[in-house]
N, C-alpha and C. Protein backbone atom coordinates (compact mmCIF):
# COMPACT_ATOMS: atom_id res chain seq x y z
N UNK A 1 13.58 12.33 7.31
CA UNK A 1 13.52 11.62 6.65
C UNK A 1 11.82 10.64 6.63
N UNK A 2 10.95 10.68 5.95
CA UNK A 2 9.24 10.56 5.77
C UNK A 2 9.27 9.27 5.57
N UNK A 3 9.15 8.17 5.88
CA UNK A 3 8.59 6.88 5.43
C UNK A 3 7.25 6.64 5.20
N UNK A 4 6.66 5.97 3.84
CA UNK A 4 5.32 5.97 3.73
C UNK A 4 5.61 4.80 3.34
N UNK A 5 4.40 3.93 3.28
CA UNK A 5 4.09 2.69 2.48
C UNK A 5 2.40 2.81 1.45
N UNK A 6 2.87 2.04 0.52
CA UNK A 6 1.68 1.95 -0.50
C UNK A 6 1.36 0.15 -0.52
N UNK A 7 0.13 0.28 -0.52
CA UNK A 7 -0.12 -1.26 -0.77
C UNK A 7 -0.65 -1.71 -2.35
N UNK A 8 0.27 -2.97 -2.45
CA UNK A 8 0.24 -3.05 -4.16
C UNK A 8 -0.87 -4.39 -3.93
N UNK A 9 -1.65 -4.32 -4.82
CA UNK A 9 -2.59 -5.15 -4.60
C UNK A 9 -2.57 -5.35 -6.25
N UNK A 10 -2.22 -6.93 -6.76
CA UNK A 10 -1.91 -6.94 -8.00
C UNK A 10 -3.29 -8.29 -8.35
N UNK A 11 -3.65 -8.02 -9.51
CA UNK A 11 -4.70 -9.22 -10.14
C UNK A 11 -4.23 -9.83 -11.38
N UNK A 12 -4.25 -10.85 -11.28
CA UNK A 12 -3.62 -11.90 -12.90
C UNK A 12 -2.68 -11.14 -13.61
N UNK A 13 -1.27 -10.45 -12.68
CA UNK A 13 -0.47 -10.29 -12.72
C UNK A 13 -0.53 -8.94 -13.19
N UNK A 14 -1.48 -7.69 -13.26
CA UNK A 14 -1.53 -6.47 -13.27
C UNK A 14 -1.66 -5.98 -11.90
N UNK A 15 -0.51 -4.45 -12.07
CA UNK A 15 -0.41 -4.42 -10.74
C UNK A 15 -1.35 -3.02 -10.31
N UNK A 16 -2.05 -3.08 -9.73
CA UNK A 16 -2.78 -2.09 -8.74
C UNK A 16 -2.40 -1.17 -7.53
N UNK A 17 -2.34 -0.08 -7.62
CA UNK A 17 -1.28 0.56 -6.48
C UNK A 17 -2.42 1.25 -5.98
N UNK A 18 -2.45 1.44 -4.50
CA UNK A 18 -3.38 1.96 -3.14
C UNK A 18 -2.81 2.62 -2.38
N UNK A 19 -3.53 3.78 -2.15
CA UNK A 19 -2.84 4.47 -0.91
C UNK A 19 -3.96 4.22 0.36
N UNK A 20 -3.49 3.49 1.23
CA UNK A 20 -4.40 3.65 2.04
C UNK A 20 -3.84 4.46 3.37
N UNK A 21 -3.91 5.69 3.13
CA UNK A 21 -3.52 6.50 4.06
C UNK A 21 -4.19 6.86 5.61
N UNK A 22 -5.32 6.38 5.65
CA UNK A 22 -6.22 6.36 6.67
C UNK A 22 -5.79 5.25 7.68
N UNK A 23 -4.91 4.61 7.22
CA UNK A 23 -4.54 3.46 8.35
C UNK A 23 -3.29 3.95 8.72
N UNK A 24 -2.63 4.90 8.62
CA UNK A 24 -1.60 5.42 9.16
C UNK A 24 0.05 4.82 8.70
N UNK A 25 -0.26 4.16 7.78
CA UNK A 25 0.82 3.09 6.94
C UNK A 25 2.43 3.77 6.77
N UNK A 26 2.16 5.12 6.73
CA UNK A 26 3.41 5.89 7.13
C UNK A 26 4.27 5.69 8.28
N UNK A 27 3.57 5.06 9.34
CA UNK A 27 4.29 5.25 10.79
C UNK A 27 4.37 3.16 10.85
N UNK A 28 3.47 2.78 10.47
CA UNK A 28 3.73 1.31 10.40
C UNK A 28 4.64 0.96 9.59
N UNK A 29 5.38 1.47 8.57
CA UNK A 29 6.76 1.11 7.30
C UNK A 29 7.81 1.07 8.41
N UNK A 30 8.19 1.43 9.66
CA UNK A 30 9.34 1.50 10.39
C UNK A 30 9.10 0.73 11.37
N UNK A 31 8.26 -0.15 10.99
CA UNK A 31 8.21 -1.56 12.17
C UNK A 31 8.41 -2.91 11.39
N UNK A 32 8.56 -3.91 12.12
CA UNK A 32 8.44 -5.02 11.29
C UNK A 32 7.31 -5.49 11.32
N UNK A 33 6.64 -5.79 9.83
CA UNK A 33 5.79 -6.17 9.70
C UNK A 33 4.82 -7.38 10.50
N UNK A 34 5.73 -8.42 11.38
CA UNK A 34 5.56 -9.73 12.26
C UNK A 34 4.96 -8.43 13.52
N UNK A 35 5.67 -7.72 13.84
CA UNK A 35 4.79 -7.31 15.04
C UNK A 35 4.01 -5.82 14.87
N UNK A 36 3.27 -5.77 13.89
CA UNK A 36 2.34 -4.88 13.49
C UNK A 36 1.12 -5.77 13.41
N UNK A 37 0.47 -6.45 14.02
CA UNK A 37 -0.64 -7.36 13.87
C UNK A 37 -1.64 -7.37 12.88
N UNK A 38 -2.43 -5.78 13.20
CA UNK A 38 -3.68 -5.63 12.02
C UNK A 38 -3.16 -5.75 10.69
N UNK A 39 -1.88 -5.57 10.39
CA UNK A 39 -1.16 -5.20 8.73
C UNK A 39 -1.63 -6.70 8.19
N UNK A 40 -0.97 -7.76 8.78
CA UNK A 40 -1.69 -9.10 7.72
C UNK A 40 -3.05 -9.23 7.98
N UNK A 41 -3.90 -9.15 8.89
CA UNK A 41 -5.19 -9.10 8.49
C UNK A 41 -5.91 -7.74 7.78
N UNK A 42 -5.36 -7.16 7.66
CA UNK A 42 -5.56 -6.36 6.89
C UNK A 42 -5.63 -6.78 5.55
N UNK A 43 -4.22 -7.25 5.02
CA UNK A 43 -4.12 -7.70 4.03
C UNK A 43 -5.07 -8.67 3.47
N UNK A 44 -5.55 -9.78 4.70
CA UNK A 44 -6.29 -10.78 4.56
C UNK A 44 -7.47 -10.28 4.09
N UNK A 45 -8.11 -9.33 4.69
CA UNK A 45 -9.19 -9.02 4.53
C UNK A 45 -9.28 -7.92 2.96
N UNK A 46 -8.52 -7.29 2.70
CA UNK A 46 -8.20 -6.76 1.32
C UNK A 46 -8.47 -7.87 0.07
N UNK A 47 -7.54 -9.38 0.34
CA UNK A 47 -8.06 -10.54 -0.14
C UNK A 47 -8.85 -10.76 0.02
N UNK A 48 -9.70 -10.77 0.69
CA UNK A 48 -11.48 -11.28 0.50
C UNK A 48 -12.55 -10.11 0.30
N UNK A 49 -11.96 -9.36 -0.04
CA UNK A 49 -12.59 -7.84 -0.74
C UNK A 49 -13.67 -7.58 0.38
N UNK A 50 -13.55 -7.76 1.66
CA UNK A 50 -14.12 -7.22 2.39
C UNK A 50 -15.18 -5.67 1.85
N UNK A 51 -16.21 -5.48 2.67
CA UNK A 51 -16.67 -4.24 2.40
C UNK A 51 -16.52 -3.39 3.53
N UNK A 52 -16.33 -3.84 4.86
CA UNK A 52 -15.95 -3.02 5.50
C UNK A 52 -14.68 -2.41 5.65
N UNK A 53 -13.45 -2.92 4.94
CA UNK A 53 -12.27 -2.68 4.86
C UNK A 53 -11.94 -2.09 3.78
N UNK A 54 -12.33 -2.22 2.29
CA UNK A 54 -12.52 -1.93 0.72
C UNK A 54 -13.06 -0.21 1.39
N UNK A 55 -13.91 -0.43 2.44
CA UNK A 55 -14.64 1.30 2.44
C UNK A 55 -13.65 2.10 3.12
N UNK A 56 -12.66 2.03 4.24
CA UNK A 56 -11.50 2.75 4.49
C UNK A 56 -10.63 3.10 3.19
N UNK A 57 -10.63 2.42 1.90
CA UNK A 57 -9.48 2.87 0.68
C UNK A 57 -11.06 4.02 -0.03
N UNK A 58 -10.10 4.98 -0.61
CA UNK A 58 -10.89 5.72 -1.21
C UNK A 58 -11.58 5.38 -2.54
N UNK A 59 -11.28 4.36 -2.99
CA UNK A 59 -11.94 3.76 -4.05
C UNK A 59 -11.15 2.05 -4.06
N UNK A 60 -12.30 1.16 -4.76
CA UNK A 60 -12.09 0.11 -3.92
C UNK A 60 -11.67 -0.57 -5.86
N UNK A 61 -10.02 -0.99 -5.90
CA UNK A 61 -9.86 -1.31 -7.07
C UNK A 61 -10.55 -2.43 -7.59
N UNK A 62 -11.29 -3.28 -6.77
CA UNK A 62 -11.20 -4.50 -7.30
C UNK A 62 -13.08 -4.74 -6.87
N UNK A 63 -14.05 -4.04 -7.65
CA UNK A 63 -15.26 -4.05 -7.35
C UNK A 63 -15.92 -5.06 -8.01
N UNK A 64 -15.32 -6.00 -8.85
CA UNK A 64 -16.09 -7.14 -9.28
C UNK A 64 -15.28 -8.54 -8.52
N UNK A 65 -14.28 -8.55 -8.40
CA UNK A 65 -13.61 -9.76 -7.73
C UNK A 65 -12.53 -9.25 -7.14
N UNK A 66 -12.50 -10.13 -5.71
CA UNK A 66 -11.06 -9.57 -5.31
C UNK A 66 -9.66 -10.05 -5.58
N UNK A 67 -8.17 -9.27 -5.19
CA UNK A 67 -7.08 -9.41 -5.67
C UNK A 67 -6.65 -10.51 -5.54
N UNK A 68 -5.76 -11.44 -6.38
CA UNK A 68 -5.69 -12.92 -5.97
C UNK A 68 -4.12 -12.76 -5.22
N UNK A 69 -3.60 -11.53 -5.42
CA UNK A 69 -1.61 -11.75 -4.17
C UNK A 69 -2.03 -10.10 -4.19
N UNK A 70 -0.96 -9.98 -2.59
CA UNK A 70 -1.11 -8.74 -1.76
C UNK A 70 0.35 -8.57 -1.70
N UNK A 71 1.13 -7.32 -2.06
CA UNK A 71 2.23 -7.43 -1.25
C UNK A 71 2.04 -5.74 -0.64
N UNK A 72 3.28 -5.30 0.31
CA UNK A 72 3.38 -4.44 0.93
C UNK A 72 4.60 -3.93 0.32
N UNK A 73 5.17 -2.38 -0.40
CA UNK A 73 6.45 -2.32 -0.80
C UNK A 73 6.55 -0.80 0.52
N UNK A 74 7.82 -0.28 0.63
CA UNK A 74 8.08 0.89 1.41
C UNK A 74 8.99 1.69 0.93
N UNK A 75 8.76 2.87 0.98
CA UNK A 75 9.35 3.84 0.03
C UNK A 75 9.47 5.17 1.13
N UNK A 76 10.93 5.95 1.02
CA UNK A 76 11.55 7.04 1.50
C UNK A 76 11.12 8.08 0.50
N UNK A 77 10.02 9.17 1.42
CA UNK A 77 9.61 10.22 0.60
C UNK A 77 10.16 11.38 0.82
N UNK A 78 10.58 12.47 0.03
CA UNK A 78 11.38 13.41 0.34
C UNK A 78 10.44 14.42 -0.86
N UNK A 79 10.51 16.01 -0.49
CA UNK A 79 9.67 16.83 -1.41
C UNK A 79 10.23 16.85 -2.51
N UNK A 80 9.42 17.35 -3.50
CA UNK A 80 9.90 17.23 -4.98
C UNK A 80 10.51 19.08 -4.71
N UNK A 81 11.28 19.23 -6.03
CA UNK A 81 12.37 20.22 -6.37
C UNK A 81 10.86 21.43 -6.54
N UNK A 82 11.78 22.50 -6.87
CA UNK A 82 10.46 23.66 -7.34
C UNK A 82 9.81 23.18 -8.82
N UNK A 83 10.51 22.97 -9.51
CA UNK A 83 10.77 22.55 -10.75
C UNK A 83 9.55 21.70 -10.71
N UNK A 84 10.08 20.38 -10.21
CA UNK A 84 8.91 18.82 -10.15
C UNK A 84 7.60 19.54 -9.82
N UNK A 85 6.92 20.46 -8.43
CA UNK A 85 6.63 20.95 -8.13
C UNK A 85 5.68 21.58 -9.24
N UNK A 86 6.14 21.97 -10.24
CA UNK A 86 5.41 23.38 -10.87
C UNK A 86 5.03 22.57 -11.77
N UNK A 87 5.32 20.95 -12.07
CA UNK A 87 4.77 19.98 -13.09
C UNK A 87 3.63 19.49 -12.54
N UNK A 88 3.37 20.06 -11.48
CA UNK A 88 2.37 18.85 -10.40
C UNK A 88 2.86 17.99 -9.82
N UNK A 89 4.47 17.80 -9.49
CA UNK A 89 4.87 16.77 -8.66
C UNK A 89 4.90 17.04 -7.65
N UNK A 90 4.58 16.88 -6.04
CA UNK A 90 4.86 17.35 -5.06
C UNK A 90 5.91 15.95 -4.23
N UNK A 91 6.27 14.72 -4.66
CA UNK A 91 6.99 13.91 -3.42
C UNK A 91 7.88 13.29 -4.81
N UNK A 92 9.55 13.31 -4.63
CA UNK A 92 9.98 11.92 -5.14
C UNK A 92 10.20 10.72 -4.14
N UNK A 93 10.13 9.68 -4.28
CA UNK A 93 10.60 8.66 -3.75
C UNK A 93 11.25 7.43 -4.33
N UNK A 94 11.72 7.00 -3.28
CA UNK A 94 12.87 5.77 -4.00
C UNK A 94 12.50 4.96 -2.64
N UNK A 95 12.13 3.41 -3.82
CA UNK A 95 12.41 2.20 -3.17
C UNK A 95 13.11 2.07 -2.08
N UNK A 96 12.78 1.38 -0.72
CA UNK A 96 13.53 0.65 -0.02
C UNK A 96 13.25 -0.65 0.04
N UNK A 97 12.63 -1.16 -0.19
CA UNK A 97 12.56 -2.85 -0.08
C UNK A 97 11.02 -3.21 -0.07
N UNK A 98 10.53 -4.47 0.41
CA UNK A 98 9.42 -5.19 0.36
C UNK A 98 9.25 -4.98 1.85
N UNK A 99 7.98 -4.47 2.39
CA UNK A 99 7.28 -4.80 3.46
C UNK A 99 7.11 -5.51 3.87
N UNK A 100 6.27 -6.35 2.81
CA UNK A 100 5.62 -7.50 3.09
C UNK A 100 5.04 -8.51 1.89
N UNK A 101 5.92 -9.35 1.57
CA UNK A 101 6.31 -10.40 0.66
C UNK A 101 4.20 -10.74 0.09
N UNK A 102 4.94 -10.73 -1.42
CA UNK A 102 3.30 -11.05 -1.99
C UNK A 102 2.73 -12.07 -1.09
N UNK A 103 1.49 -12.43 -1.00
CA UNK A 103 0.82 -13.07 -0.04
C UNK A 103 -0.61 -13.41 -1.41
N UNK A 104 -1.07 -14.83 -1.04
CA UNK A 104 -2.64 -15.03 -1.35
C UNK A 104 -3.58 -15.78 -0.05
N UNK A 105 -4.22 -15.96 -0.61
CA UNK A 105 -5.33 -16.70 0.36
C UNK A 105 -4.53 -18.05 0.13
N UNK A 106 -5.23 -19.12 1.53
CA UNK A 106 -4.47 -20.61 0.85
C UNK A 106 -5.89 -21.18 0.28
């Protein structure tokens, strides 16, 4: 089983999902977020739209204004079937739950 995380960023009710693979979220998801000290700081810096942090992402989905809320979900990833791969889908994923609840800056 491969566990992975997607960090979901929401602005004004619209969901934007980014994959921050450079941050090794695949391994972070197996631990309690209260024990992973850097993760809440990462989300706080995303909420502040800090250029150094956003540069770690493939693309800043909020180039003009920072998101209002962030949350992190975690999924179970499995390889797609050969038929699905033929259609360009490489992974199947199943939502396991909320890794970090929706949060915002005070």
